Structures are given as C-alpha cells and as structure tokens.
C-alpha cells in the first residue's frame, strides 16, 4: 500500500468518526426527570394548607327569638356551628325565587337562624363544605343561609339567600334531615338568649342590618412582627427560581425574570408579584375563581394568619382575603397590610399582593381595654353626618385597624373601631378623631 493510499484510509476513518460523533450529539437526550412544579412549591411552603371551610366562613350568626334578636361573631362559636351543620343531609334543593313574597320575613322571621357571610359565596364551591345533593345550580351565589327548624323534629328547611337589591334577590331552598336536629335546636336556638342583644336597622323595604345594642369591650393590641423570607416567596412564585435576578432597591428588594417581577417593600411591609403574561380578558366562573385563589395560597402555604374570604369582583377576576383576629373581628388597614389580594388571568395569576410579615404573640404590657360605642350611637352618628345616605349603607361591624407603629416599624398595632361598608367600600368611624369619618379602605 502506497503512502497516498494510507492517508486516504486514515482520512476516511476520521470522517466516519466525526459523522458518528455529530449524530450522537444531535440525538442525545439527557436522562433528567421532569420537575413537578407543584411538588417543588410544597417544599417551600411557609405554613400548613387550609381547607375551604376554614377560609370561606360566616362572620356573624343572628338568632331571631320572640321578636328579639341575639347574635355572635365569635370564631369558636361559628366554627362549632358550621361543623354541626356540615353533618346534615341537604336534598331536593330548588329555586324558589319566583315564589318569594316577603324577603324580610324569610330572612329575619321569628324562629329563624340567620348566618351571614362577608360577601357572595359561590354555592358550587360551598358544596365542598355542606352535604348538598348535586343539582344544576352551581352558578348561584349567596351571602345568607337561613335555618328554619322546629323543636323535636328531625326535618327542616334551609334557605340559601342572595340578599340586597330586590331585582338581584335569589333564594334556593333545601330540605334537611338529621337525627341531630332536635339536639341542635336546644343547644343553639334554645340558648341564644344568652348571647348579646342585637337591634334592626331598616335600610329600605328590602334590606335590614343588625347591630349590637350595647357598647362593646375590645382590646387594643401591639404585636412584634417578623419579616417573612423573600427568598421563599421567590422560590414559590417563579417558575424557575434559578433564572431570577435579585436587586436591592431603596424600599427593599426586587426579583425579576424574563416575564415576572416580585417587589418587597420592607418599609410598608407589602409584597407584590406581577406576572404580565397571566393577564387575560376571558372570565373564570366564580366557583373556579375562588377555588383557584385558595389553592394558589395553599400551594406555598401562604395563610400566615387567620385569613378568611372577604370578597370577589368577578368582572375583574379579583379575590380578597382578610385577616380576622382570634375572637372573630375583621381587621382592616389603610395600606393593605391586613389583606391578601389576587387578580387572575384565564390560566395563571396576574397580580398577587400580600403582607410580608407574621405576628408574634401580643405584648401584654401594651394591651389596653377599649370600649366601642353601641351600635345605636354609631348608626345615629352616621345618620347625622353631612352627605350620608342610609340607602347606600350595606353593612356595619366592629373591627380593628391594623397599622405599623409610628415609633418602631417592627411593631404592628391593632386598634378597635366601628367600620361600615358604604356604596361598595369599607370606611372607618372615628368619633373622637378630627374629621370623624375616614376615607374608604378598598
């Protein structure tokens, strides 16, 4: 074999080897397992998951007894009550709106128990709490449950009511059956007269609210707060945390990837996550929207306080959860630090805003007792306010204002006030402060 033939053979072998290596490079697939994003989020959970019944719950129960009215907003009382009701069987549910002649008598009538929710609740979601037989009424939303049972009976009726403007009112009725009803009647309705007395405020022919008759003793609190881990939120909220860039800004921190941004304002104690690709004009129905909102917070264990469902703007795909104190009073704030807020696109979260702190136990040395004026005094004060129109009053409750301590931002203060929802927004009554009525909170 000549020298030239040897070079040709070697060159041919090298070309073949190069071709084989190139083919392997093109067709090679690394043996990596696909990461399950939900499992990954579970690893960075801040707190435990919560069931729907712990998030979507009433905030008051009114018992209408012998032309008198008694009520409670106690978290312990309400939790016990709902546990009992959730053991009943609901059947033959039907729409009776067309048969309704007197909404006031149905809702506030003698012998009835009125269970009040802070806003409209999709019944399609609440079927997960109560044992309601499947019916084709999943799009219905209610803000009252009315229980009508008789002593010594094992059957009764429950009404799911959409209250408010006459043209929007709807009522669905369920029959109930339980051997526990007789005991329930004695234990709850029979003992209702031991609860605080409430009185009616007639807003118009179609709406009445009930307020505590006596002055209310509440406690003013100061808590030491602890900052939640921004890194954990980054790991939970971004699809691939390894590609997220962190920047230190004047107010705190900023986290950015190719499509999303999370800003953490340490001064105002607010975290905001925005995902522009999640924006979408298509609407999700109310049940799915609220379920997705609860699941989203559950995914990263974001229920860092006793948050409850507070309201929904279905048209704008906006859901709000509010902090409640341990006794059952709602907590408001002028800056949003008492709320978890979500805005949704069709398939993904668009905007997520929440406090970035958790509260320690209250400082005993800073606790003080406060007496709120009676409901009668407070409603008369409102009626006497220039420009106030009673027909625009939607609700009124004692609650707390949450604020950052002016002297030390590590502390959070909870101060008792009367709050009222007026023409869609919550406001604070400050009788002893300059200006009296404060601006809306939402």
Protein backbone atom coordinates (compact mmCIF):
# COMPACT_ATOMS: atom_id res chain seq x y z
CA UNK A 1 0.00 0.00 0.00
CA UNK A 2 1.41 3.34 -1.03
CA UNK A 3 1.72 6.35 1.27
CA UNK A 4 -1.10 8.12 -0.54
CA UNK A 5 -3.44 5.13 -0.03
CA UNK A 6 -2.67 5.10 3.72
CA UNK A 7 -3.55 8.80 4.03
CA UNK A 8 -6.83 8.21 2.19
CA UNK A 9 -7.83 5.35 4.56
CA UNK A 10 -6.99 7.43 7.69
CA UNK A 11 -8.87 10.43 6.37
CA UNK A 12 -11.90 8.26 5.59
CA UNK A 13 -11.88 6.79 9.13
CA UNK A 14 -11.67 10.27 10.67
CA UNK A 15 -14.62 11.49 8.57
CA UNK A 16 -16.68 8.45 9.67
CA UNK A 17 -15.83 9.03 13.36
CA UNK A 18 -16.71 12.72 13.05
CA UNK A 19 -20.06 11.84 11.48
CA UNK A 20 -20.86 9.35 14.25
CA UNK A 21 -19.98 11.86 16.98
CA UNK A 22 -22.06 14.57 15.31
CA UNK A 23 -25.07 12.25 15.04
CA UNK A 24 -24.82 11.29 18.73
CA UNK A 25 -24.59 14.95 19.72
CA UNK A 26 -27.69 15.83 17.72
CA UNK A 27 -29.79 12.94 19.02
CA UNK A 28 -28.57 12.82 22.64
CA UNK A 29 -31.30 13.39 25.31
CA UNK A 30 -30.16 13.73 28.92
CA UNK A 31 -31.92 11.38 31.34
CA UNK A 32 -33.33 14.10 33.64
CA UNK A 33 -36.69 13.69 35.42
CA UNK A 34 -39.14 16.50 34.71
CA UNK A 35 -39.58 18.67 37.79
CA UNK A 36 -43.15 18.75 39.09
CA UNK A 37 -43.68 22.42 39.89
CA UNK A 38 -46.40 21.76 42.47
CA UNK A 39 -44.15 19.37 44.39
CA UNK A 40 -41.40 21.93 44.29
CA UNK A 41 -43.69 24.62 45.68
CA UNK A 42 -44.69 22.34 48.52
CA UNK A 43 -41.07 22.19 49.59
CA UNK A 44 -41.04 25.93 50.24
CA UNK A 45 -44.41 26.15 52.00
CA UNK A 46 -44.50 28.83 54.70
CA UNK A 47 -47.39 27.35 56.73
CA UNK A 48 -49.89 24.49 56.55
CA UNK A 49 -52.61 24.14 53.92
CA UNK A 50 -56.19 25.06 54.86
CA UNK A 51 -59.50 23.58 53.79
CA UNK A 52 -62.24 25.63 52.15
CA UNK A 53 -64.29 25.56 55.37
CA UNK A 54 -61.50 27.40 57.22
CA UNK A 55 -61.24 30.15 54.60
CA UNK A 56 -64.83 30.62 53.39
CA UNK A 57 -66.90 31.07 56.52
CA UNK A 58 -69.60 33.32 58.00
CA UNK A 59 -68.63 36.19 60.26
CA UNK A 60 -71.93 36.54 62.19
CA UNK A 61 -74.88 34.45 63.29
CA UNK A 62 -78.16 36.14 64.28
CA UNK A 63 -80.92 34.28 66.15
CA UNK A 64 -84.43 35.72 65.79
CA UNK A 65 -86.25 34.78 69.01
CA UNK A 66 -89.69 36.03 70.09
CA UNK A 67 -89.42 39.38 68.30
CA UNK A 68 -85.92 39.84 69.76
CA UNK A 69 -82.53 39.28 68.13
CA UNK A 70 -79.34 37.80 69.54
CA UNK A 71 -76.02 37.36 67.80
CA UNK A 72 -72.40 36.29 67.87
CA UNK A 73 -69.27 36.85 65.79
CA UNK A 74 -67.13 34.52 67.90
CA UNK A 75 -64.80 32.39 65.77
CA UNK A 76 -65.15 29.48 68.19
CA UNK A 77 -68.97 29.66 68.15
CA UNK A 78 -69.11 29.90 64.35
CA UNK A 79 -66.66 27.03 63.79
CA UNK A 80 -68.66 24.79 66.12
CA UNK A 81 -71.92 25.80 64.42
CA UNK A 82 -70.65 25.07 60.89
CA UNK A 83 -69.21 21.70 61.96
CA UNK A 84 -72.68 20.75 63.16
CA UNK A 85 -74.47 21.97 60.03
CA UNK A 86 -71.97 20.23 57.75
CA UNK A 87 -73.11 16.86 59.16
CA UNK A 88 -76.68 17.33 57.88
CA UNK A 89 -78.06 15.97 54.63
CA UNK A 90 -79.39 18.60 52.19
CA UNK A 91 -81.73 17.32 49.50
CA UNK A 92 -84.35 18.39 46.93
CA UNK A 93 -82.73 21.79 46.52
CA UNK A 94 -84.72 24.11 44.25
CA UNK A 95 -85.03 27.73 43.19
CA UNK A 96 -87.99 29.38 44.97
CA UNK A 97 -87.25 32.99 43.96
CA UNK A 98 -90.46 33.26 41.93
CA UNK A 99 -92.49 32.13 44.96
CA UNK A 100 -90.90 34.69 47.29
CA UNK A 101 -93.26 37.38 48.58
CA UNK A 102 -91.56 38.74 51.71
CA UNK A 103 -87.76 38.56 51.85
CA UNK A 104 -87.62 40.26 55.25
CA UNK A 105 -89.94 37.68 56.80
CA UNK A 106 -87.97 34.80 55.29
CA UNK A 107 -84.58 36.06 56.43
CA UNK A 108 -85.37 37.75 59.74
CA UNK A 109 -88.58 35.97 60.68
CA UNK A 110 -89.42 34.64 64.13
CA UNK A 111 -87.69 31.33 64.86
CA UNK A 112 -85.08 31.60 62.09
CA UNK A 113 -81.28 31.48 62.38
CA UNK A 114 -79.51 33.89 60.03
CA UNK A 115 -75.93 33.00 59.05
CA UNK A 116 -74.22 35.99 57.45
CA UNK A 117 -71.18 35.81 55.14
CA UNK A 118 -68.96 38.82 54.40
CA UNK A 119 -69.70 38.64 50.66
CA UNK A 120 -71.32 36.46 48.00
CA UNK A 121 -70.20 32.81 48.09
CA UNK A 122 -70.49 30.51 45.03
CA UNK A 123 -72.64 27.58 46.08
CA UNK A 124 -70.71 25.36 43.67
CA UNK A 125 -67.70 25.81 45.95
CA UNK A 126 -69.59 25.60 49.24
CA UNK A 127 -70.93 22.18 48.31
CA UNK A 128 -67.49 21.04 49.47
CA UNK A 129 -68.42 22.19 52.98
CA UNK A 130 -72.08 21.10 53.19
CA UNK A 131 -73.58 17.81 52.05
CA UNK A 132 -75.76 19.26 49.31
CA UNK A 133 -77.09 16.82 46.72
CA UNK A 134 -75.83 17.67 43.25
CA UNK A 135 -78.21 19.99 41.46
CA UNK A 136 -77.86 22.19 38.42
CA UNK A 137 -77.46 25.47 40.27
CA UNK A 138 -73.69 25.78 40.58
CA UNK A 139 -73.66 29.36 39.23
CA UNK A 140 -75.80 30.63 42.12
CA UNK A 141 -74.12 32.80 44.77
CA UNK A 142 -75.43 33.53 48.29
CA UNK A 143 -74.49 35.68 51.28
CA UNK A 144 -77.01 34.33 53.81
CA UNK A 145 -78.01 30.87 55.00
CA UNK A 146 -81.34 30.76 56.84
CA UNK A 147 -82.17 27.76 59.02
CA UNK A 148 -85.81 27.08 59.82
CA UNK A 149 -86.38 24.09 62.10
CA UNK A 150 -88.94 23.20 64.74
CA UNK A 151 -88.28 21.72 68.19
CA UNK A 152 -88.44 17.93 68.49
CA UNK A 153 -88.26 17.49 64.70
CA UNK A 154 -85.72 15.64 62.57
CA UNK A 155 -86.56 17.58 59.41
CA UNK A 156 -86.43 21.25 58.48
CA UNK A 157 -85.62 23.72 55.74
CA UNK A 158 -82.53 25.71 54.85
CA UNK A 159 -82.58 28.73 52.55
CA UNK A 160 -79.57 29.97 50.60
CA UNK A 161 -80.22 33.66 50.02
CA UNK A 162 -78.72 36.28 47.75
CA UNK A 163 -79.70 39.37 49.73
CA UNK A 164 -79.72 43.05 48.76
CA UNK A 165 -81.38 44.84 45.85
CA UNK A 166 -84.83 43.48 45.05
CA UNK A 167 -84.08 42.89 41.38
CA UNK A 168 -80.99 40.82 42.29
CA UNK A 169 -82.50 38.73 45.08
CA UNK A 170 -82.50 34.95 44.73
CA UNK A 171 -83.41 32.12 47.07
CA UNK A 172 -82.77 28.38 46.87
CA UNK A 173 -84.38 26.07 49.39
CA UNK A 174 -83.07 22.72 50.63
CA UNK A 175 -84.79 20.18 52.82
CA UNK A 176 -82.65 18.85 55.66
CA UNK A 177 -82.80 15.64 57.59
CA UNK A 178 -80.76 14.65 60.61
CA UNK A 179 -81.41 12.85 63.89
CA UNK A 180 -79.29 15.63 65.46
CA UNK A 181 -81.75 18.45 64.63
CA UNK A 182 -83.67 18.25 67.91
CA UNK A 183 -80.47 18.46 69.93
CA UNK A 184 -79.19 21.25 67.66
CA UNK A 185 -82.36 23.29 68.27
CA UNK A 186 -81.96 23.05 72.04
CA UNK A 187 -78.22 23.63 72.08
CA UNK A 188 -78.14 26.62 69.72
CA UNK A 189 -81.52 28.27 69.28
CA UNK A 190 -82.65 27.44 72.80
CA UNK A 191 -79.55 29.05 74.31
CA UNK A 192 -79.47 32.08 72.01
CA UNK A 193 -80.88 34.44 74.64
CA UNK A 194 -77.54 34.21 76.48
CA UNK A 195 -75.83 35.98 73.55
CA UNK A 196 -75.50 39.76 73.07
CA UNK A 197 -78.70 41.55 72.06
CA UNK A 198 -78.90 42.99 68.53
CA UNK A 199 -81.37 45.50 67.09
CA UNK A 200 -82.55 46.01 63.49
CA UNK A 201 -81.67 48.96 61.28
CA UNK A 202 -84.09 49.16 58.36
CA UNK A 203 -82.15 50.36 55.32
CA UNK A 204 -85.12 50.08 52.94
CA UNK A 205 -88.04 47.75 52.25
CA UNK A 206 -85.67 45.03 51.05
CA UNK A 207 -82.74 45.26 53.45
CA UNK A 208 -82.19 45.24 57.21
CA UNK A 209 -78.92 45.02 59.12
CA UNK A 210 -78.49 44.12 62.79
CA UNK A 211 -76.12 45.85 65.23
CA UNK A 212 -75.13 45.13 68.86
CA UNK A 213 -77.37 47.03 71.24
CA UNK A 214 -74.78 47.63 73.98
CA UNK A 215 -71.32 49.17 73.97
CA UNK A 216 -68.60 46.68 73.01
CA UNK A 217 -65.50 45.94 75.05
CA UNK A 218 -62.45 45.18 72.88
CA UNK A 219 -58.69 45.04 73.41
CA UNK A 220 -56.09 47.22 71.71
CA UNK A 221 -53.00 45.15 70.80
CA UNK A 222 -49.39 45.70 69.88
CA UNK A 223 -47.51 42.82 68.22
CA UNK A 224 -43.88 42.27 67.39
CA UNK A 225 -43.72 41.38 63.70
CA UNK A 226 -41.22 39.17 61.87
CA UNK A 227 -40.36 39.57 58.22
CA UNK A 228 -41.20 36.60 56.01
CA UNK A 229 -38.46 35.16 53.81
CA UNK A 230 -38.38 36.88 50.42
CA UNK A 231 -36.28 34.00 49.11
CA UNK A 232 -39.02 31.51 49.95
CA UNK A 233 -41.57 33.59 48.10
CA UNK A 234 -39.18 33.81 45.16
CA UNK A 235 -38.80 30.04 45.12
CA UNK A 236 -42.56 29.58 45.39
CA UNK A 237 -43.81 32.14 42.89
CA UNK A 238 -41.35 32.00 39.99
CA UNK A 239 -41.48 29.03 37.61
CA UNK A 240 -37.68 28.71 37.60
CA UNK A 241 -36.06 30.50 40.58
CA UNK A 242 -32.56 29.83 39.24
CA UNK A 243 -33.14 32.41 36.48
CA UNK A 244 -34.39 35.14 38.85
CA UNK A 245 -32.26 38.23 39.35
CA UNK A 246 -32.33 39.98 42.72
CA UNK A 247 -31.84 43.74 43.05
CA UNK A 248 -31.62 45.80 46.22
CA UNK A 249 -33.74 48.94 45.92
CA UNK A 250 -34.39 51.83 48.29
CA UNK A 251 -37.63 50.41 49.71
CA UNK A 252 -36.48 46.79 49.88
CA UNK A 253 -35.87 44.11 47.24
CA UNK A 254 -36.85 43.37 43.67
CA UNK A 255 -36.83 39.98 41.94
CA UNK A 256 -37.10 39.75 38.13
CA UNK A 257 -37.04 37.05 35.49
CA UNK A 258 -37.85 37.27 31.77
CA UNK A 259 -41.58 37.77 32.34
CA UNK A 260 -42.40 38.39 36.02
CA UNK A 261 -41.45 40.68 38.88
CA UNK A 262 -41.75 40.47 42.65
CA UNK A 263 -41.18 43.60 44.74
CA UNK A 264 -40.85 43.54 48.52
CA UNK A 265 -41.44 46.84 50.31
CA UNK A 266 -39.88 46.49 53.77
CA UNK A 267 -40.99 49.93 54.86
CA UNK A 268 -44.67 49.35 54.14
CA UNK A 269 -44.46 45.57 54.75
CA UNK A 270 -46.05 44.64 51.42
CA UNK A 271 -45.06 42.01 48.85
CA UNK A 272 -46.33 42.26 45.28
CA UNK A 273 -45.88 39.73 42.48
CA UNK A 274 -46.87 40.63 38.91
CA UNK A 275 -46.98 38.17 36.04
CA UNK A 276 -47.99 40.12 32.89
CA UNK A 277 -48.35 37.01 30.74
CA UNK A 278 -51.13 35.88 33.08
CA UNK A 279 -53.35 38.79 32.03
CA UNK A 280 -56.36 37.68 30.00
CA UNK A 281 -59.80 39.06 29.18
CA UNK A 282 -61.55 35.69 29.50
CA UNK A 283 -63.54 35.25 32.72
CA UNK A 284 -63.41 32.25 35.05
CA UNK A 285 -66.71 31.43 36.79
CA UNK A 286 -66.99 32.37 40.46
CA UNK A 287 -66.59 28.86 41.92
CA UNK A 288 -63.47 28.12 39.92
CA UNK A 289 -62.05 31.59 40.58
CA UNK A 290 -62.39 31.29 44.35
CA UNK A 291 -61.14 27.68 44.39
CA UNK A 292 -58.08 28.64 42.32
CA UNK A 293 -57.41 31.56 44.66
CA UNK A 294 -57.48 29.31 47.73
CA UNK A 295 -55.37 26.65 46.01
CA UNK A 296 -52.81 29.25 44.95
CA UNK A 297 -52.16 30.38 48.53
CA UNK A 298 -52.24 26.77 49.74
CA UNK A 299 -49.56 25.86 47.21
CA UNK A 300 -46.97 27.92 49.06
CA UNK A 301 -48.61 27.77 52.49
CA UNK A 302 -49.36 31.48 52.46
CA UNK A 303 -52.06 31.50 55.17
CA UNK A 304 -49.67 33.07 57.67
CA UNK A 305 -52.55 34.48 59.75
CA UNK A 306 -56.25 33.70 60.23
CA UNK A 307 -57.31 34.92 56.79
CA UNK A 308 -60.85 34.49 55.50
CA UNK A 309 -62.56 35.07 52.20
CA UNK A 310 -63.72 38.71 52.21
CA UNK A 311 -64.97 39.41 48.72
CA UNK A 312 -64.85 38.87 44.99
CA UNK A 313 -65.06 41.13 41.94
CA UNK A 314 -65.93 38.55 39.32
CA UNK A 315 -65.84 41.02 36.42
CA UNK A 316 -62.23 41.92 37.20
CA UNK A 317 -61.26 38.40 38.41
CA UNK A 318 -60.23 39.89 41.76
CA UNK A 319 -60.45 37.98 45.07
CA UNK A 320 -59.68 39.36 48.55
CA UNK A 321 -58.94 37.53 51.80
CA UNK A 322 -58.96 39.46 55.08
CA UNK A 323 -57.19 38.89 58.38
CA UNK A 324 -59.51 38.19 61.35
CA UNK A 325 -58.42 38.30 64.97
CA UNK A 326 -58.82 35.23 67.16
CA UNK A 327 -62.14 36.43 68.57
CA UNK A 328 -63.66 36.85 65.14
CA UNK A 329 -63.34 40.58 64.43
CA UNK A 330 -62.31 41.62 60.89
CA UNK A 331 -59.06 43.55 60.57
CA UNK A 332 -58.80 46.43 58.09
CA UNK A 333 -55.93 48.69 57.10
CA UNK A 334 -55.41 51.89 55.16
CA UNK A 335 -52.40 50.42 53.31
CA UNK A 336 -53.49 46.83 52.56
CA UNK A 337 -51.34 45.07 55.17
CA UNK A 338 -54.33 43.11 56.53
CA UNK A 339 -55.31 41.57 53.19
CA UNK A 340 -54.27 39.03 50.60
CA UNK A 341 -55.32 40.19 47.14
CA UNK A 342 -55.27 38.25 43.86
CA UNK A 343 -56.11 39.18 40.28
CA UNK A 344 -56.36 36.28 37.82
CA UNK A 345 -55.99 35.74 34.11
CA UNK A 346 -57.50 32.72 32.40
CA UNK A 347 -54.87 30.19 33.42
CA UNK A 348 -52.47 31.96 35.74
CA UNK A 349 -52.14 34.54 38.46
CA UNK A 350 -51.73 38.06 37.11
CA UNK A 351 -51.17 40.03 40.32
CA UNK A 352 -50.65 38.87 43.91
CA UNK A 353 -50.38 41.35 46.80
CA UNK A 354 -49.98 40.45 50.46
CA UNK A 355 -48.26 41.42 53.73
CA UNK A 356 -44.71 40.06 54.07
CA UNK A 357 -44.71 39.63 57.85
CA UNK A 358 -46.06 37.37 60.56
CA UNK A 359 -47.15 38.44 64.03
CA UNK A 360 -45.74 37.14 67.28
CA UNK A 361 -47.84 36.97 70.45
CA UNK A 362 -49.20 40.37 71.61
CA UNK A 363 -47.17 42.33 74.13
CA UNK A 364 -49.08 42.14 77.42
CA UNK A 365 -47.56 45.38 78.67
CA UNK A 366 -49.01 47.20 75.64
CA UNK A 367 -52.53 45.73 75.79
CA UNK A 368 -55.34 48.06 76.85
CA UNK A 369 -59.12 47.77 77.04
CA UNK A 370 -61.22 49.94 74.73
CA UNK A 371 -64.98 50.43 74.83
CA UNK A 372 -66.59 50.99 71.43
CA UNK A 373 -69.83 52.94 71.34
CA UNK A 374 -73.04 50.96 70.98
CA UNK A 375 -74.46 50.20 67.59
CA UNK A 376 -77.27 52.68 68.24
CA UNK A 377 -74.87 55.52 68.99
CA UNK A 378 -72.72 54.70 65.97
CA UNK A 379 -75.57 54.48 63.46
CA UNK A 380 -77.04 57.75 64.73
CA UNK A 381 -73.62 59.36 64.31
CA UNK A 382 -73.52 58.18 60.70
CA UNK A 383 -77.04 59.39 60.01
CA UNK A 384 -76.05 62.82 61.27
CA UNK A 385 -73.01 63.05 59.03
CA UNK A 386 -73.26 65.52 56.16
CA UNK A 387 -73.83 63.77 52.83
CA UNK A 388 -74.54 60.34 54.35
CA UNK A 389 -77.35 58.40 52.63
CA UNK A 390 -78.76 55.48 54.60
CA UNK A 391 -79.85 53.65 51.44
CA UNK A 392 -76.17 53.26 50.44
CA UNK A 393 -75.25 51.56 53.74
CA UNK A 394 -74.55 47.86 53.10
CA UNK A 395 -73.04 46.58 56.35
CA UNK A 396 -71.60 47.72 59.67
CA UNK A 397 -69.30 45.84 62.07
CA UNK A 398 -66.89 46.38 64.94
CA UNK A 399 -63.36 45.60 63.83
CA UNK A 400 -59.69 46.56 64.01
CA UNK A 401 -57.46 48.97 62.19
CA UNK A 402 -54.04 47.41 61.56
CA UNK A 403 -51.17 49.88 61.32
CA UNK A 404 -47.38 50.00 61.60
CA UNK A 405 -46.23 51.52 64.89
CA UNK A 406 -45.02 55.07 64.29
CA UNK A 407 -42.12 54.82 66.72
CA UNK A 408 -40.82 51.37 65.83
CA UNK A 409 -41.73 49.77 62.49
CA UNK A 410 -41.07 46.29 63.88
CA UNK A 411 -44.34 46.57 65.80
CA UNK A 412 -47.89 46.24 64.45
CA UNK A 413 -50.81 47.89 66.26
CA UNK A 414 -54.45 46.71 66.20
CA UNK A 415 -56.88 49.44 67.27
CA UNK A 416 -60.67 48.85 67.66
CA UNK A 417 -63.09 50.92 65.55
CA UNK A 418 -66.52 50.70 64.00
CA UNK A 419 -66.40 50.00 60.25
CA UNK A 420 -69.15 50.29 57.69
CA UNK A 421 -69.47 49.31 54.04
CA UNK A 422 -70.95 52.14 52.05
CA UNK A 423 -71.65 52.01 48.31
CA UNK A 424 -69.13 49.17 47.84
CA UNK A 425 -66.25 50.43 50.01
CA UNK A 426 -65.30 49.99 53.66
CA UNK A 427 -64.89 53.09 55.85
CA UNK A 428 -63.85 53.71 59.45
CA UNK A 429 -65.83 55.72 62.01
CA UNK A 430 -63.59 57.83 64.23
CA UNK A 431 -65.88 59.78 66.52
CA UNK A 432 -63.10 61.05 68.78
CA UNK A 433 -60.68 61.96 66.00
CA UNK A 434 -60.55 65.11 63.92
CA UNK A 435 -62.52 64.62 60.74
CA UNK A 436 -64.75 61.88 62.15
CA UNK A 437 -65.35 59.53 59.24
CA UNK A 438 -62.24 58.28 57.47
CA UNK A 439 -61.79 57.56 53.79
CA UNK A 440 -62.64 54.23 52.15
CA UNK A 441 -60.27 51.30 52.53
CA UNK A 442 -60.97 49.41 49.32
